[in-house]
Amino acid sequence: MKRLLACLGEILYDFLPNTNSEEPTGFSLHPGGGPFNVAVGLARLGQPTAFVGKVGSDYFGRRLRRTVRAEQIDDRWLRSAAAPSTLAFVAIEDGEPAFSFYGAGAADTLLEPDELPAEFFERTALLHFGGISLLHGTTPAAALAAAEGLHGRALVSLDINVRPRLIGDEAAYRATLRRAIAACDLLKLSAADIAWLAPGTDPAVYASAQLDLGPTLVALTRGGDGVTSFRRINGALERLDQPSFAVDVADTVGAGDAFTAGLLAALAHQSALTRAALVAVPAAALCAALRQGSATAALTCTRPGADPPHYNALQEFLAHAA
């Protein structure tokens, strides 16, 4: 029985500005949502991938399900709900993407814990979750049930991907994050996440400290400054640094998700899909996985929207990269 790499959480449409100016005159439609972007990236890199969540009963929801299938992502655990789809409008503000979400009562916030079938827990080799799906409705409870239920049975990957403007109850959100971090094996953080989580803290110090809370591996992404990973090997802290790739940037939407997809695909290729296997990955092999993640993110930045590369394009880029 083939086991699947499952991504759980938000699935939505990004409306991206037609120009890079700070006064958009129109928007173009792109499927998105952090976990869905990771699922697309994994599928395009040849991994057997499933998406777990809910899509709306509106035009956007029907179109999203068609997109899931077109990307050859298994939709057996993707339910439909009589609710609208989440929409996110992206504009450029101070040179960075600024998101405005319209998702109150949307389908992807309505996944219930009891809607996760026994088959999901039996067939999942890797679970990736996080993002805004930890904020609203019943989906946060479903995500935690999935992560805690798979803890020790599959590799659990978490990308917090903090969206400060969407956080209503900060105390409840931080409590959710504590449970999510405790349940994960691989934690991906960005410097921007840490600026909200622990203002004024050195990102590397904060990231490495998370190893005491549950994760076996922490990956800290720093945009153009590259990525740093932290593990404990025989009680000693291991730090690995991978520089970024220089490319012509169209935008950075989905770059973090593309990094995660590239990293997870490399770990899956190495059969590092358990907590013990993640610890045992040699440093050189982990560096190669981080490099693949960085290259996947770099290629995604060369075109608008969250549009990660296919396997052959990624391998060609890596073969010719300095």
Foldseek 3Di string as FASTA:
>chain_A
DAFAAEEEFAKAWEFEAPDQDQDGPGTDIDIDDLSVLLQLLQLLQPGQYAYAFEFEPDPRRVVRVVVCVVSVHHDPRYYYDPFHHKYWYWGADPNATDIDIDAVRGRRLADALVSCDPVNLVRHQEYEYEDCNCADHRSLVNVLSNLQSCQQPWAYEYEHHDDPVRHDPVVSSVVSVLSSLQSHAEYEYEPVNCCVVPNPDDVVVVQQVSCVRHYQKYWYQYPQQFIWMWHAAPNRIDIDTDGAADDDFPHQAQLQSQLVSQLVSLCVVVVQIGSVSVNVPDPVSNNVSNRRSRLQSRVCRRDPHSDTHGNVVSVVCVVPTD
